[in-house]
C-alpha atoms as a PDB file:
ATOM      1  CA  MET A   1      14.348  13.713 -17.209  1.00  0.00           C
ATOM      2  CA  ASP A   2      13.800  11.515 -20.417  1.00  0.00           C
ATOM      3  CA  GLY A   3      12.953  13.836 -23.496  1.00  0.00           C
ATOM      4  CA  GLY A   4      12.342  16.974 -21.338  1.00  0.00           C
ATOM      5  CA  VAL A   5       9.104  18.159 -19.728  1.00  0.00           C
ATOM      6  CA  LYS A   6       5.905  19.640 -21.643  1.00  0.00           C
ATOM      7  CA  THR A   7       4.801  22.466 -19.290  1.00  0.00           C
ATOM      8  CA  GLU A   8       1.360  21.304 -18.353  1.00  0.00           C
ATOM      9  CA  ASP A   9       2.735  17.661 -17.468  1.00  0.00           C
ATOM     10  CA  MET A  10       3.244  16.386 -13.758  1.00  0.00           C
ATOM     11  CA  LYS A  11       6.838  15.795 -12.979  1.00  0.00           C
ATOM     12  CA  HIS A  12       8.525  14.257  -9.831  1.00  0.00           C
ATOM     13  CA  LEU A  13      10.594  17.236  -8.314  1.00  0.00           C
ATOM     14  CA  SER A  14      13.885  16.468  -7.074  1.00  0.00           C
ATOM     15  CA  ARG A  15      14.671  16.346  -3.424  1.00  0.00           C
ATOM     16  CA  ARG A  16      18.480  15.988  -3.737  1.00  0.00           C
ATOM     17  CA  GLY A  17      20.870  17.024  -1.109  1.00  0.00           C
ATOM     18  CA  ASP A  18      23.539  18.221  -3.154  1.00  0.00           C
ATOM     19  CA  GLU A  19      25.138  21.618  -2.421  1.00  0.00           C
ATOM     20  CA  ALA A  20      23.798  24.434  -4.577  1.00  0.00           C
ATOM     21  CA  ARG A  21      26.074  25.790  -7.051  1.00  0.00           C
ATOM     22  CA  GLY A  22      27.280  29.418  -6.635  1.00  0.00           C
ATOM     23  CA  GLY A  23      27.063  32.529  -9.223  1.00  0.00           C
ATOM     24  CA  GLU A  24      25.625  36.080  -8.625  1.00  0.00           C
ATOM     25  CA  TRP A  25      24.159  35.039  -5.269  1.00  0.00           C
ATOM     26  CA  MET A  26      24.738  32.832  -2.621  1.00  0.00           C
ATOM     27  CA  ALA A  27      21.816  30.458  -2.011  1.00  0.00           C
ATOM     28  CA  LEU A  28      18.665  32.054  -1.016  1.00  0.00           C
ATOM     29  CA  ASP A  29      18.111  29.762   2.028  1.00  0.00           C
ATOM     30  CA  GLU A  30      14.612  28.734   2.625  1.00  0.00           C
ATOM     31  CA  GLN A  31      15.953  28.476   6.455  1.00  0.00           C
ATOM     32  CA  GLU A  32      17.443  31.872   6.136  1.00  0.00           C
ATOM     33  CA  ASN A  33      16.127  33.503   2.251  1.00  0.00           C
ATOM     34  CA  VAL A  34      19.903  34.558   2.350  1.00  0.00           C
ATOM     35  CA  TRP A  35      21.267  36.098  -0.772  1.00  0.00           C
ATOM     36  CA  THR A  36      24.718  38.163  -1.415  1.00  0.00           C
ATOM     37  CA  ASN A  37      25.379  40.489  -4.174  1.00  0.00           C
ATOM     38  CA  SER A  38      28.838  39.138  -5.616  1.00  0.00           C
ATOM     39  CA  SER A  39      29.943  39.074  -9.300  1.00  0.00           C
ATOM     40  CA  PRO A  40      28.141  36.748 -11.952  1.00  0.00           C
ATOM     41  CA  GLU A  41      31.276  34.401 -12.650  1.00  0.00           C
ATOM     42  CA  THR A  42      31.842  34.227  -8.349  1.00  0.00           C
ATOM     43  CA  ALA A  43      31.804  30.495  -7.588  1.00  0.00           C
ATOM     44  CA  GLY A  44      29.961  29.613  -4.205  1.00  0.00           C
ATOM     45  CA  THR A  45      28.375  26.809  -2.124  1.00  0.00           C
ATOM     46  CA  MET A  46      25.153  26.649  -0.162  1.00  0.00           C
ATOM     47  CA  PRO A  47      25.963  27.517   3.467  1.00  0.00           C
ATOM     48  CA  GLU A  48      26.127  24.808   6.138  1.00  0.00           C
ATOM     49  CA  THR A  49      22.851  25.946   7.883  1.00  0.00           C
ATOM     50  CA  ALA A  50      21.175  25.805   4.122  1.00  0.00           C
ATOM     51  CA  ARG A  51      21.371  21.891   4.162  1.00  0.00           C
ATOM     52  CA  MET A  52      19.207  19.775   4.746  1.00  0.00           C
ATOM     53  CA  THR A  53      19.346  18.114   8.093  1.00  0.00           C
ATOM     54  CA  PRO A  54      19.397  14.446   8.607  1.00  0.00           C
ATOM     55  CA  ASP A  55      16.275  14.170  10.015  1.00  0.00           C
ATOM     56  CA  GLY A  56      14.826  15.913   6.827  1.00  0.00           C
ATOM     57  CA  GLN A  57      16.386  13.653   4.398  1.00  0.00           C
ATOM     58  CA  ASN A  58      15.429  10.556   6.458  1.00  0.00           C
ATOM     59  CA  ASP A  59      11.706  11.671   7.206  1.00  0.00           C
ATOM     60  CA  ALA A  60      11.001  13.517   4.493  1.00  0.00           C
ATOM     61  CA  GLY A  61      13.614  14.661   1.904  1.00  0.00           C
ATOM     62  CA  ARG A  62      13.190  11.409  -0.442  1.00  0.00           C
ATOM     63  CA  SER A  63       9.429  12.268  -0.591  1.00  0.00           C
ATOM     64  CA  ARG A  64       8.141  13.888  -3.982  1.00  0.00           C
ATOM     65  CA  GLY A  65       6.449  17.216  -4.306  1.00  0.00           C
ATOM     66  CA  SER A  66       4.971  18.516  -7.224  1.00  0.00           C
ATOM     67  CA  LEU A  67       4.469  21.915  -9.679  1.00  0.00           C
ATOM     68  CA  ASN A  68       1.163  22.662 -10.620  1.00  0.00           C
ATOM     69  CA  ARG A  69       0.467  21.814 -14.390  1.00  0.00           C
ATOM     70  CA  GLY A  70      -2.174  21.403 -16.757  1.00  0.00           C
ATOM     71  CA  ARG A  71      -3.005  24.997 -17.270  1.00  0.00           C
ATOM     72  CA  SER A  72      -4.136  25.564 -20.724  1.00  0.00           C
ATOM     73  CA  LYS A  73      -3.086  28.503 -22.699  1.00  0.00           C
ATOM     74  CA  ASN A  74      -6.113  30.628 -22.141  1.00  0.00           C
ATOM     75  CA  ALA A  75      -5.563  30.335 -18.370  1.00  0.00           C
ATOM     76  CA  ARG A  76      -2.293  31.464 -18.037  1.00  0.00           C
ATOM     77  CA  GLY A  77      -1.796  34.324 -15.873  1.00  0.00           C
ATOM     78  CA  ARG A  78      -5.641  34.307 -15.065  1.00  0.00           C
ATOM     79  CA  ARG A  79      -5.729  32.132 -12.566  1.00  0.00           C
ATOM     80  CA  ARG A  80      -7.674  32.877  -9.314  1.00  0.00           C
ATOM     81  CA  VAL A  81      -6.163  32.077  -5.689  1.00  0.00           C
ATOM     82  CA  HIS A  82      -9.433  30.427  -5.368  1.00  0.00           C
ATOM     83  CA  ARG A  83      -8.905  27.678  -7.306  1.00  0.00           C
ATOM     84  CA  LEU A  84      -5.443  26.512  -6.973  1.00  0.00           C
ATOM     85  CA  ALA A  85      -5.169  22.703  -6.564  1.00  0.00           C
ATOM     86  CA  PHE A  86      -2.054  20.565  -6.709  1.00  0.00           C
ATOM     87  CA  ALA A  87      -1.881  17.901  -9.184  1.00  0.00           C
ATOM     88  CA  PRO A  88      -1.775  14.386  -8.138  1.00  0.00           C
ATOM     89  CA  SER A  89       1.768  12.941  -7.215  1.00  0.00           C
ATOM     90  CA  LEU A  90       2.886   9.891  -5.974  1.00  0.00           C
ATOM     91  CA  GLN A  91       3.952   8.376  -2.458  1.00  0.00           C
ATOM     92  CA  GLN A  92       3.811  10.820   0.276  1.00  0.00           C
ATOM     93  CA  SER A  93       2.588  13.672  -1.541  1.00  0.00           C
ATOM     94  CA  GLN A  94      -0.681  11.877  -2.604  1.00  0.00           C
ATOM     95  CA  GLN A  95      -1.884  14.176   0.235  1.00  0.00           C
ATOM     96  CA  LEU A  96      -1.504  17.362  -1.738  1.00  0.00           C
ATOM     97  CA  ARG A  97      -4.475  16.673  -4.266  1.00  0.00           C
ATOM     98  CA  ARG A  98      -7.412  19.062  -4.817  1.00  0.00           C
ATOM     99  CA  GLY A  99      -5.738  22.281  -2.927  1.00  0.00           C
ATOM    100  CA  PHE A 100      -3.299  22.894  -0.289  1.00  0.00           C
ATOM    101  CA  THR A 101      -5.619  24.203   2.534  1.00  0.00           C
ATOM    102  CA  LYS A 102      -8.157  21.579   2.039  1.00  0.00           C
ATOM    103  CA  ASN A 103      -5.640  18.908   2.695  1.00  0.00           C
ATOM    104  CA  MET A 104      -3.528  20.356   5.371  1.00  0.00           C
ATOM    105  CA  ALA A 105      -5.612  19.139   7.723  1.00  0.00           C
ATOM    106  CA  TRP A 106      -6.514  21.342  11.007  1.00  0.00           C
ATOM    107  CA  SER A 107      -7.901  19.547  14.150  1.00  0.00           C
ATOM    108  CA  MET A 108     -10.195  21.356  15.712  1.00  0.00           C
ATOM    109  CA  ASP A 109      -9.095  19.489  18.710  1.00  0.00           C
ATOM    110  CA  SER A 110      -6.030  21.412  19.605  1.00  0.00           C
ATOM    111  CA  GLY A 111      -5.094  18.254  22.080  1.00  0.00           C
ATOM    112  CA  ASP A 112      -4.430  16.152  18.600  1.00  0.00           C
ATOM    113  CA  LEU A 113      -1.202  18.643  17.766  1.00  0.00           C
ATOM    114  CA  GLY A 114      -0.245  19.163  21.295  1.00  0.00           C
ATOM    115  CA  LEU A 115      -0.955  22.574  21.425  1.00  0.00           C
ATOM    116  CA  ASP A 116      -1.159  25.195  24.054  1.00  0.00           C
ATOM    117  CA  THR A 117      -4.310  27.106  23.884  1.00  0.00           C
ATOM    118  CA  LYS A 118      -3.369  29.441  26.477  1.00  0.00           C
ATOM    119  CA  ILE A 119      -1.103  31.208  23.858  1.00  0.00           C
ATOM    120  CA  GLY A 120      -4.566  32.421  22.114  1.00  0.00           C
ATOM    121  CA  VAL A 121      -2.896  33.286  18.620  1.00  0.00           C
ATOM    122  CA  VAL A 122      -3.315  29.986  17.088  1.00  0.00           C
ATOM    123  CA  HIS A 123      -5.709  29.419  14.201  1.00  0.00           C
ATOM    124  CA  PRO A 124      -6.462  27.044  11.398  1.00  0.00           C
ATOM    125  CA  ALA A 125      -4.980  27.856   8.018  1.00  0.00           C
ATOM    126  CA  ILE A 126      -8.301  28.599   6.473  1.00  0.00           C
ATOM    127  CA  ASP A 127      -9.850  31.362   4.669  1.00  0.00           C
ATOM    128  CA  ALA A 128     -12.538  32.384   7.624  1.00  0.00           C
ATOM    129  CA  TYR A 129      -9.639  33.735   8.488  1.00  0.00           C
ATOM    130  CA  ALA A 130      -7.646  36.046   5.693  1.00  0.00           C
ATOM    131  CA  ALA A 131      -9.778  38.943   6.393  1.00  0.00           C
ATOM    132  CA  GLU A 132      -7.946  38.929  10.023  1.00  0.00           C
ATOM    133  CA  VAL A 133      -4.573  38.428   8.694  1.00  0.00           C
ATOM    134  CA  VAL A 134      -4.875  41.274   6.143  1.00  0.00           C
ATOM    135  CA  GLU A 135      -5.933  43.719   8.984  1.00  0.00           C
ATOM    136  CA  ALA A 136      -2.890  42.553  10.694  1.00  0.00           C
ATOM    137  CA  LEU A 137      -0.205  42.925   8.268  1.00  0.00           C
ATOM    138  CA  LYS A 138      -1.752  46.449   7.264  1.00  0.00           C
ATOM    139  CA  ALA A 139      -1.151  47.250  11.047  1.00  0.00           C
ATOM    140  CA  GLY A 140       2.434  46.309  10.855  1.00  0.00           C
ATOM    141  CA  LYS A 141       2.190  43.142  12.521  1.00  0.00           C
ATOM    142  CA  VAL A 142       4.142  39.844  12.021  1.00  0.00           C
ATOM    143  CA  ILE A 143       2.383  36.411  11.339  1.00  0.00           C
ATOM    144  CA  ALA A 144       3.191  32.707  11.229  1.00  0.00           C
ATOM    145  CA  VAL A 145       2.001  30.848   8.066  1.00  0.00           C
ATOM    146  CA  PRO A 146       2.034  27.414   6.169  1.00  0.00           C
ATOM    147  CA  THR A 147       3.374  27.617   2.515  1.00  0.00           C
ATOM    148  CA  ASP A 148       3.876  24.616  -0.197  1.00  0.00           C
ATOM    149  CA  THR A 149       7.635  24.369   1.347  1.00  0.00           C
ATOM    150  CA  LEU A 150       7.631  25.320   4.848  1.00  0.00           C
ATOM    151  CA  TYR A 151       6.430  27.615   7.871  1.00  0.00           C
ATOM    152  CA  GLY A 152       7.300  31.270   7.476  1.00  0.00           C
ATOM    153  CA  PHE A 153       7.348  34.137   9.133  1.00  0.00           C
ATOM    154  CA  ALA A 154       5.482  37.104   6.801  1.00  0.00           C
ATOM    155  CA  CYS A 155       4.786  40.769   7.251  1.00  0.00           C
ATOM    156  CA  ASP A 156       4.049  44.017   4.775  1.00  0.00           C
ATOM    157  CA  ALA A 157       7.417  43.899   2.808  1.00  0.00           C
ATOM    158  CA  CYS A 158       6.894  47.859   2.600  1.00  0.00           C
ATOM    159  CA  SER A 159       6.798  48.026   6.408  1.00  0.00           C
ATOM    160  CA  LEU A 160      10.220  48.992   8.078  1.00  0.00           C
ATOM    161  CA  GLU A 161       8.984  48.464  11.185  1.00  0.00           C
ATOM    162  CA  ALA A 162       7.370  44.936  10.308  1.00  0.00           C
ATOM    163  CA  VAL A 163      10.648  43.866   8.619  1.00  0.00           C
ATOM    164  CA  ASN A 164      12.741  44.623  11.412  1.00  0.00           C
ATOM    165  CA  ARG A 165      10.462  42.616  13.364  1.00  0.00           C
ATOM    166  CA  ILE A 166      11.006  39.650  11.552  1.00  0.00           C
ATOM    167  CA  TYR A 167      14.637  40.277  12.011  1.00  0.00           C
ATOM    168  CA  GLU A 168      14.418  40.364  15.812  1.00  0.00           C
ATOM    169  CA  ILE A 169      12.286  37.427  16.084  1.00  0.00           C
ATOM    170  CA  LYS A 170      15.028  35.379  13.939  1.00  0.00           C
ATOM    171  CA  GLY A 171      17.930  36.826  15.607  1.00  0.00           C
ATOM    172  CA  ARG A 172      19.171  37.499  12.215  1.00  0.00           C
ATOM    173  CA  LYS A 173      21.787  40.202  10.663  1.00  0.00           C
ATOM    174  CA  HIS A 174      20.313  42.992   8.955  1.00  0.00           C
ATOM    175  CA  THR A 175      22.819  42.260   6.084  1.00  0.00           C
ATOM    176  CA  SER A 176      20.592  38.878   5.635  1.00  0.00           C
ATOM    177  CA  PRO A 177      18.046  40.067   2.947  1.00  0.00           C
ATOM    178  CA  LEU A 178      14.310  38.785   2.720  1.00  0.00           C
ATOM    179  CA  ALA A 179      12.648  37.277  -0.239  1.00  0.00           C
ATOM    180  CA  ILE A 180       9.165  38.426  -1.125  1.00  0.00           C
ATOM    181  CA  CYS A 181       5.934  36.609  -2.069  1.00  0.00           C
ATOM    182  CA  VAL A 182       2.842  38.111  -4.246  1.00  0.00           C
ATOM    183  CA  GLY A 183      -0.478  36.528  -4.895  1.00  0.00           C
ATOM    184  CA  ASP A 184      -0.410  35.993  -8.400  1.00  0.00           C
ATOM    185  CA  VAL A 185       2.246  35.532 -11.227  1.00  0.00           C
ATOM    186  CA  SER A 186       0.742  38.863 -12.753  1.00  0.00           C
ATOM    187  CA  ASP A 187       1.989  40.535  -9.776  1.00  0.00           C
ATOM    188  CA  ILE A 188       5.242  39.747  -9.998  1.00  0.00           C
ATOM    189  CA  ASP A 189       6.228  42.979 -12.846  1.00  0.00           C
ATOM    190  CA  ARG A 190       5.095  45.385 -10.026  1.00  0.00           C
ATOM    191  CA  PHE A 191       8.063  44.364  -8.043  1.00  0.00           C
ATOM    192  CA  ALA A 192      10.856  43.094 -10.047  1.00  0.00           C
ATOM    193  CA  VAL A 193      11.928  42.905 -13.658  1.00  0.00           C
ATOM    194  CA  THR A 194      10.258  40.393 -15.722  1.00  0.00           C
ATOM    195  CA  ASP A 195      10.171  41.858 -19.584  1.00  0.00           C
ATOM    196  CA  HIS A 196      13.139  39.626 -20.382  1.00  0.00           C
ATOM    197  CA  LEU A 197      11.845  36.824 -19.750  1.00  0.00           C
ATOM    198  CA  PRO A 198      10.238  34.469 -22.880  1.00  0.00           C
ATOM    199  CA  HIS A 199       6.235  34.532 -22.492  1.00  0.00           C
ATOM    200  CA  GLY A 200       4.940  31.812 -20.351  1.00  0.00           C
ATOM    201  CA  LEU A 201       7.863  31.143 -18.580  1.00  0.00           C
ATOM    202  CA  LEU A 202       6.898  32.422 -15.061  1.00  0.00           C
ATOM    203  CA  ASP A 203       3.321  30.687 -15.502  1.00  0.00           C
ATOM    204  CA  SER A 204       4.774  27.479 -16.217  1.00  0.00           C
ATOM    205  CA  LEU A 205       7.534  27.769 -12.886  1.00  0.00           C
ATOM    206  CA  LEU A 206       4.602  29.391 -10.928  1.00  0.00           C
ATOM    207  CA  PRO A 207       2.693  28.878  -8.393  1.00  0.00           C
ATOM    208  CA  GLY A 208       5.001  26.425  -7.023  1.00  0.00           C
ATOM    209  CA  PRO A 209       8.131  25.643  -4.753  1.00  0.00           C
ATOM    210  CA  VAL A 210      10.154  27.840  -6.737  1.00  0.00           C
ATOM    211  CA  THR A 211      11.943  31.449  -5.781  1.00  0.00           C
ATOM    212  CA  VAL A 212      12.869  33.178  -8.960  1.00  0.00           C
ATOM    213  CA  VAL A 213      15.598  35.923  -8.236  1.00  0.00           C
ATOM    214  CA  LEU A 214      15.237  39.036 -10.692  1.00  0.00           C
ATOM    215  CA  LYS A 215      16.267  42.640 -10.964  1.00  0.00           C
ATOM    216  CA  ARG A 216      14.258  44.812  -8.809  1.00  0.00           C
ATOM    217  CA  GLY A 217      14.281  47.579 -11.614  1.00  0.00           C
ATOM    218  CA  GLU A 218      13.565  51.484 -11.230  1.00  0.00           C
ATOM    219  CA  SER A 219       9.828  50.937 -11.383  1.00  0.00           C
ATOM    220  CA  SER A 220       9.811  48.471  -8.350  1.00  0.00           C
ATOM    221  CA  VAL A 221       6.896  49.791  -6.153  1.00  0.00           C
ATOM    222  CA  LEU A 222       9.299  47.900  -3.280  1.00  0.00           C
ATOM    223  CA  GLU A 223      10.361  50.290  -0.367  1.00  0.00           C
ATOM    224  CA  ARG A 224      14.135  50.915  -0.847  1.00  0.00           C
ATOM    225  CA  SER A 225      14.803  50.025   2.858  1.00  0.00           C
ATOM    226  CA  LEU A 226      14.039  46.439   2.000  1.00  0.00           C
ATOM    227  CA  ASN A 227      17.372  44.758   1.336  1.00  0.00           C
ATOM    228  CA  PRO A 228      19.034  48.196   0.929  1.00  0.00           C
ATOM    229  CA  GLY A 229      22.119  48.036  -1.518  1.00  0.00           C
ATOM    230  CA  LEU A 230      20.891  45.069  -3.528  1.00  0.00           C
ATOM    231  CA  ASP A 231      19.534  45.290  -7.157  1.00  0.00           C
ATOM    232  CA  SER A 232      17.838  42.270  -7.083  1.00  0.00           C
ATOM    233  CA  ILE A 233      15.010  40.240  -5.302  1.00  0.00           C
ATOM    234  CA  GLY A 234      13.944  36.828  -4.749  1.00  0.00           C
ATOM    235  CA  VAL A 235      10.329  36.054  -5.516  1.00  0.00           C
ATOM    236  CA  ARG A 236       7.984  33.152  -4.421  1.00  0.00           C
ATOM    237  CA  VAL A 237       4.155  32.444  -5.612  1.00  0.00           C
ATOM    238  CA  PRO A 238       3.934  29.874  -3.224  1.00  0.00           C
ATOM    239  CA  ASP A 239       1.173  27.097  -4.311  1.00  0.00           C
ATOM    240  CA  CYS A 240      -0.944  27.442  -0.970  1.00  0.00           C
ATOM    241  CA  ASN A 241      -4.392  28.969  -1.179  1.00  0.00           C
ATOM    242  CA  PHE A 242      -4.240  30.481   1.903  1.00  0.00           C
ATOM    243  CA  ILE A 243      -0.742  32.681   1.855  1.00  0.00           C
ATOM    244  CA  ARG A 244      -1.903  33.644  -1.950  1.00  0.00           C
ATOM    245  CA  ILE A 245      -5.170  34.843  -0.531  1.00  0.00           C
ATOM    246  CA  ILE A 246      -3.579  37.017   1.725  1.00  0.00           C
ATOM    247  CA  ALA A 247      -1.169  38.511  -0.176  1.00  0.00           C
ATOM    248  CA  HIS A 248      -3.614  39.349  -2.480  1.00  0.00           C
ATOM    249  CA  GLY A 249      -5.967  40.743  -0.239  1.00  0.00           C
ATOM    250  CA  SER A 250      -2.653  42.861   1.632  1.00  0.00           C
ATOM    251  CA  GLY A 251      -2.463  44.695  -2.220  1.00  0.00           C
ATOM    252  CA  THR A 252       1.469  44.712  -1.405  1.00  0.00           C
ATOM    253  CA  ALA A 253       4.261  42.103  -1.558  1.00  0.00           C
ATOM    254  CA  LEU A 254       4.781  40.246   1.723  1.00  0.00           C
ATOM    255  CA  ALA A 255       8.360  39.950   2.910  1.00  0.00           C
ATOM    256  CA  LEU A 256       8.761  36.121   3.821  1.00  0.00           C
ATOM    257  CA  THR A 257      11.273  34.162   5.805  1.00  0.00           C
ATOM    258  CA  SER A 258      11.205  31.003   7.324  1.00  0.00           C
ATOM    259  CA  ALA A 259       9.735  30.467  10.921  1.00  0.00           C
ATOM    260  CA  ASN A 260      12.558  29.281  12.869  1.00  0.00           C
ATOM    261  CA  LEU A 261      15.485  31.162  14.772  1.00  0.00           C
ATOM    262  CA  SER A 262      18.396  32.060  12.285  1.00  0.00           C
ATOM    263  CA  GLY A 263      20.436  29.161  11.644  1.00  0.00           C
ATOM    264  CA  GLN A 264      18.268  26.425  12.942  1.00  0.00           C
ATOM    265  CA  PRO A 265      16.168  23.953  11.005  1.00  0.00           C
ATOM    266  CA  SER A 266      13.522  25.101   9.082  1.00  0.00           C
ATOM    267  CA  SER A 267       9.798  24.137  10.518  1.00  0.00           C
ATOM    268  CA  VAL A 268       7.415  21.782   8.782  1.00  0.00           C
ATOM    269  CA  CYS A 269       5.091  22.113  11.825  1.00  0.00           C
ATOM    270  CA  ILE A 270       4.171  24.799  14.243  1.00  0.00           C
ATOM    271  CA  LYS A 271       5.581  22.913  17.157  1.00  0.00           C
ATOM    272  CA  ASP A 272       8.707  23.087  15.365  1.00  0.00           C
ATOM    273  CA  PHE A 273       8.705  26.855  16.537  1.00  0.00           C
ATOM    274  CA  GLU A 274       6.441  26.861  19.306  1.00  0.00           C
ATOM    275  CA  LYS A 275       8.932  29.051  21.456  1.00  0.00           C
ATOM    276  CA  LEU A 276       8.517  32.008  18.727  1.00  0.00           C
ATOM    277  CA  TRP A 277       4.569  32.128  18.596  1.00  0.00           C
ATOM    278  CA  GLU A 278       4.210  34.631  21.338  1.00  0.00           C
ATOM    279  CA  HIS A 279       6.289  36.992  18.929  1.00  0.00           C
ATOM    280  CA  CYS A 280       3.495  36.826  16.278  1.00  0.00           C
ATOM    281  CA  ALA A 281       0.367  38.593  16.291  1.00  0.00           C
ATOM    282  CA  PHE A 282      -1.330  35.333  14.740  1.00  0.00           C
ATOM    283  CA  VAL A 283      -0.056  31.645  14.347  1.00  0.00           C
ATOM    284  CA  TYR A 284      -1.851  29.574  11.335  1.00  0.00           C
ATOM    285  CA  ASP A 285      -1.733  26.065  11.672  1.00  0.00           C
ATOM    286  CA  GLY A 286      -1.705  23.822   8.028  1.00  0.00           C
ATOM    287  CA  GLY A 287      -0.942  20.677   9.833  1.00  0.00           C
ATOM    288  CA  LEU A 288       2.584  18.795   8.941  1.00  0.00           C
ATOM    289  CA  LEU A 289       3.702  19.873   5.422  1.00  0.00           C
ATOM    290  CA  PRO A 290       4.666  16.716   3.398  1.00  0.00           C
ATOM    291  CA  SER A 291       7.171  18.588   1.539  1.00  0.00           C
ATOM    292  CA  GLY A 292      10.233  18.125   3.757  1.00  0.00           C
ATOM    293  CA  ARG A 293      12.767  20.566   4.682  1.00  0.00           C
ATOM    294  CA  ALA A 294      14.325  21.214   1.346  1.00  0.00           C
ATOM    295  CA  GLY A 295      12.656  24.257   0.612  1.00  0.00           C
ATOM    296  CA  SER A 296      12.009  25.828  -2.652  1.00  0.00           C
ATOM    297  CA  THR A 297      14.347  25.720  -5.727  1.00  0.00           C
ATOM    298  CA  VAL A 298      16.408  29.048  -5.933  1.00  0.00           C
ATOM    299  CA  VAL A 299      17.002  29.948  -9.621  1.00  0.00           C
ATOM    300  CA  ASP A 300      18.778  33.180 -10.827  1.00  0.00           C
ATOM    301  CA  LEU A 301      16.770  34.389 -13.985  1.00  0.00           C
ATOM    302  CA  THR A 302      18.695  38.225 -14.227  1.00  0.00           C
ATOM    303  CA  ILE A 303      20.289  37.119 -17.396  1.00  0.00           C
ATOM    304  CA  PRO A 304      18.324  36.974 -20.543  1.00  0.00           C
ATOM    305  CA  TYR A 305      17.900  33.197 -21.242  1.00  0.00           C
ATOM    306  CA  LYS A 306      20.758  32.036 -18.746  1.00  0.00           C
ATOM    307  CA  TYR A 307      19.798  30.512 -15.367  1.00  0.00           C
ATOM    308  CA  LYS A 308      21.707  29.589 -12.560  1.00  0.00           C
ATOM    309  CA  ILE A 309      20.233  27.056  -9.766  1.00  0.00           C
ATOM    310  CA  LEU A 310      21.516  28.524  -6.557  1.00  0.00           C
ATOM    311  CA  ARG A 311      19.919  26.167  -4.335  1.00  0.00           C
ATOM    312  CA  PRO A 312      18.323  22.847  -5.728  1.00  0.00           C
ATOM    313  CA  GLY A 313      15.646  22.622  -3.303  1.00  0.00           C
ATOM    314  CA  SER A 314      12.536  20.809  -3.781  1.00  0.00           C
ATOM    315  CA  ALA A 315      12.191  21.104  -7.444  1.00  0.00           C
ATOM    316  CA  LYS A 316      15.033  21.438  -9.335  1.00  0.00           C
ATOM    317  CA  GLU A 317      15.017  18.533 -11.968  1.00  0.00           C
ATOM    318  CA  GLU A 318      11.398  19.918 -12.954  1.00  0.00           C
ATOM    319  CA  THR A 319      12.625  23.813 -12.793  1.00  0.00           C
ATOM    320  CA  VAL A 320      15.822  22.666 -15.069  1.00  0.00           C
ATOM    321  CA  ALA A 321      13.526  21.273 -17.521  1.00  0.00           C
ATOM    322  CA  ILE A 322      10.851  23.887 -17.841  1.00  0.00           C
ATOM    323  CA  LEU A 323      13.765  26.616 -18.185  1.00  0.00           C
ATOM    324  CA  GLU A 324      15.483  24.309 -21.130  1.00  0.00           C
ATOM    325  CA  LYS A 325      12.267  23.927 -22.925  1.00  0.00           C
ATOM    326  CA  HIS A 326      12.282  27.990 -23.103  1.00  0.00           C
ATOM    327  CA  SER A 327      15.909  28.268 -24.560  1.00  0.00           C
ATOM    328  CA  PHE A 328      17.494  28.715 -21.120  1.00  0.00           C
ATOM    329  CA  VAL A 329      21.012  27.437 -20.913  1.00  0.00           C
ATOM    330  CA  GLU A 330      22.928  27.102 -17.350  1.00  0.00           C
ATOM    331  CA  ALA A 331      25.452  30.297 -16.954  1.00  0.00           C
ATOM    332  CA  VAL A 332      28.790  29.211 -16.889  1.00  0.00           C
ATOM    333  CA  THR A 333      30.943  29.835 -13.808  1.00  0.00           C
ATOM    334  CA  THR A 334      34.395  30.272 -14.338  1.00  0.00           C
END
């Protein structure tokens, strides 16, 4: 980037397929949402399943996404989910303008998407279904939803039964932890330690295609049964109206992982995981997601004023520029 990045400015996001550098965590894979708790000095690389597939690179990996900017000082930390919007970007990502859910077009003719209407669990990802989703989550159900990067399975992060259900659906080892999703940046400190971060940093990074790794802390309201043995947690605030409304309405954090079988390519449309629909209470269709299969950029912010990119994802360049503007330096791997 030339001359750095202003917080309020929109920049193109990197879609590079280079391997993530290791560190305190292994790459939090958007396909797997996996990390391990090794030492800060331990070098590592992104697991093979975390790399974009050739199809992802050719079809969507080069497309540009965007972090939502243009926030005034008075608006920071007080944005309401119903006012979410992406700033305009170029090329394939132009369709992201004026709000995620309005743009992720749902065709009311299910035949346009080749849906099997006999399943009976597929609905459009629109606000009218938010109350239905919240009730399902409170009942310990698993749902499938679009985000600003990929489709994901979500459930109440404090429901051990629901979390176990996600592991079962994905055929995933319980040693692989899950990230969480919250409705607003202001909710993060309920679940993770943020007091070591400079004012405005999280508002500059989020909402957007970034997963921040933070310490859980003793005051975290997360159940210890979620990712037992780990003292850190990956946190997302997606720039997606629908899932943020759901998270806000649930009153808690959502456990979030990609909607696919463990080790398989991630999903950018609901047809990609059609064989798994039957395991979900509901599947919410936001259309074809334009951001490609790179997933979110994963950055470790557990150490004051140091960062480590655990996976480049879709917003590495922008993320690094914002961190460096806030006087962060890259943690040195020895």
